[in-house]
Amino acid sequence: SRGIKASSVCVAFSSELQRAHETCELALASMAGHEQETWSSERIRRDWRLNERHYGAVQGLFKNDSTLAEKYGADKVMEWRRSLHGRPPPMEHDHEYYVPPPAPL
């Protein structure tokens, strides 16, 4: 068999996103192959720091959209895309992709 055996992996990491978790499960199950051991979700650790970056007000727009550069400036758009510290403008509540935070318990 080629690659890593499932039995040699103690824990796997995925982002908080459901599709990332499911992809991780599929990859680990595929790795297990013919081994008797099956993977359980308890061995997958979710970590928010692996989540995709949120682009605020420009979320959902194409990075090469000329209107972005016209509105904010090409240098600013490149800073948002390439810098760890560049922050796009925040998303307004009326943005089509806005999801309100969960209510406190």
Protein backbone atom coordinates (compact mmCIF):
# COMPACT_ATOMS: atom_id res chain seq x y z
CA SER A 1 0.00 0.00 0.00
CA ARG A 2 1.20 3.53 -0.78
CA GLY A 3 1.01 6.59 1.40
CA ILE A 4 0.18 6.96 5.06
CA LYS A 5 -1.70 4.23 6.91
CA ALA A 6 -4.69 5.33 8.93
CA SER A 7 -3.38 3.51 11.99
CA SER A 8 -0.32 5.79 12.02
CA VAL A 9 -2.45 8.95 12.32
CA CYS A 10 -3.56 9.82 15.85
CA VAL A 11 -5.52 12.96 15.09
CA ALA A 12 -6.53 15.01 12.07
CA PHE A 13 -7.44 18.70 11.87
CA SER A 14 -10.08 20.50 9.84
CA SER A 15 -11.63 23.95 9.86
CA GLU A 16 -15.00 24.57 11.51
CA LEU A 17 -16.72 24.32 8.12
CA GLN A 18 -18.91 21.25 7.72
CA ARG A 19 -17.67 20.54 4.19
CA ALA A 20 -14.06 20.58 5.43
CA HIS A 21 -14.92 18.16 8.24
CA GLU A 22 -16.71 15.82 5.82
CA THR A 23 -13.77 15.95 3.39
CA CYS A 24 -11.42 15.08 6.25
CA GLU A 25 -13.62 12.11 7.19
CA LEU A 26 -13.64 10.87 3.58
CA ALA A 27 -9.87 11.20 3.26
CA LEU A 28 -9.28 9.32 6.50
CA ALA A 29 -11.77 6.58 5.61
CA SER A 30 -10.07 6.19 2.24
CA MET A 31 -6.69 6.00 3.96
CA ALA A 32 -8.00 3.26 6.26
CA GLY A 33 -8.75 1.17 3.16
CA HIS A 34 -8.73 -2.50 4.12
CA GLU A 35 -7.64 -1.94 7.71
CA GLN A 36 -10.16 -3.07 10.30
CA GLU A 37 -9.84 0.20 12.16
CA THR A 38 -12.46 2.73 11.12
CA TRP A 39 -12.18 6.41 11.64
CA SER A 40 -14.43 8.14 14.12
CA SER A 41 -15.22 11.84 14.13
CA GLU A 42 -13.82 12.14 17.65
CA ARG A 43 -10.33 11.85 16.15
CA ILE A 44 -10.88 14.93 14.00
CA ARG A 45 -10.24 18.26 15.72
CA ARG A 46 -11.98 21.34 14.38
CA ASP A 47 -10.10 24.60 14.69
CA TRP A 48 -11.49 28.00 13.69
CA ARG A 49 -7.97 29.15 12.77
CA LEU A 50 -8.18 26.89 9.70
CA ASN A 51 -11.37 28.59 8.45
CA GLU A 52 -11.34 30.43 5.17
CA ARG A 53 -10.73 34.15 5.39
CA HIS A 54 -13.79 36.40 5.43
CA TYR A 55 -13.55 39.38 3.09
CA GLY A 56 -16.19 41.62 4.68
CA ALA A 57 -17.91 44.02 2.29
CA VAL A 58 -16.16 42.47 -0.72
CA GLN A 59 -17.19 38.90 0.16
CA GLY A 60 -18.54 37.11 -2.91
CA LEU A 61 -16.93 39.45 -5.44
CA PHE A 62 -14.32 38.27 -7.92
CA LYS A 63 -10.79 39.30 -6.96
CA ASN A 64 -10.10 40.48 -10.51
CA ASP A 65 -13.31 42.53 -10.73
CA SER A 66 -12.27 45.97 -12.01
CA THR A 67 -14.92 47.68 -9.87
CA LEU A 68 -13.02 46.60 -6.73
CA ALA A 69 -9.86 48.36 -7.87
CA GLU A 70 -11.84 51.39 -9.02
CA LYS A 71 -13.67 51.73 -5.71
CA TYR A 72 -10.89 50.86 -3.23
CA GLY A 73 -7.65 51.11 -5.26
CA ALA A 74 -5.62 48.25 -6.71
CA ASP A 75 -2.94 48.48 -4.00
CA LYS A 76 -5.52 48.24 -1.21
CA VAL A 77 -7.22 45.22 -2.82
CA MET A 78 -3.83 43.49 -3.20
CA GLU A 79 -3.04 44.24 0.45
CA TRP A 80 -6.29 42.56 1.53
CA ARG A 81 -5.52 39.53 -0.58
CA ARG A 82 -1.84 39.07 0.28
CA SER A 83 -1.26 40.55 3.73
CA LEU A 84 -2.02 38.92 7.04
CA HIS A 85 -2.80 42.35 8.42
CA GLY A 86 -4.81 43.88 5.57
CA ARG A 87 -8.48 44.19 6.50
CA PRO A 88 -11.25 44.73 3.98
CA PRO A 89 -14.12 47.04 5.00
CA PRO A 90 -16.66 45.34 7.28
CA MET A 91 -19.79 43.76 5.85
CA GLU A 92 -22.99 45.75 6.36
CA HIS A 93 -26.12 44.06 7.71
CA ASP A 94 -27.90 44.47 4.38
CA HIS A 95 -25.16 42.61 2.42
CA GLU A 96 -26.57 39.57 0.58
CA TYR A 97 -24.10 37.23 2.38
CA TYR A 98 -24.56 38.69 5.87
CA VAL A 99 -25.37 36.12 8.54
CA PRO A 100 -26.14 37.51 12.00
CA PRO A 101 -24.14 36.08 14.89
CA PRO A 102 -25.90 33.42 16.97
CA ALA A 103 -27.96 34.65 19.91
CA PRO A 104 -26.32 34.24 23.32
CA LEU A 105 -27.41 31.22 25.33
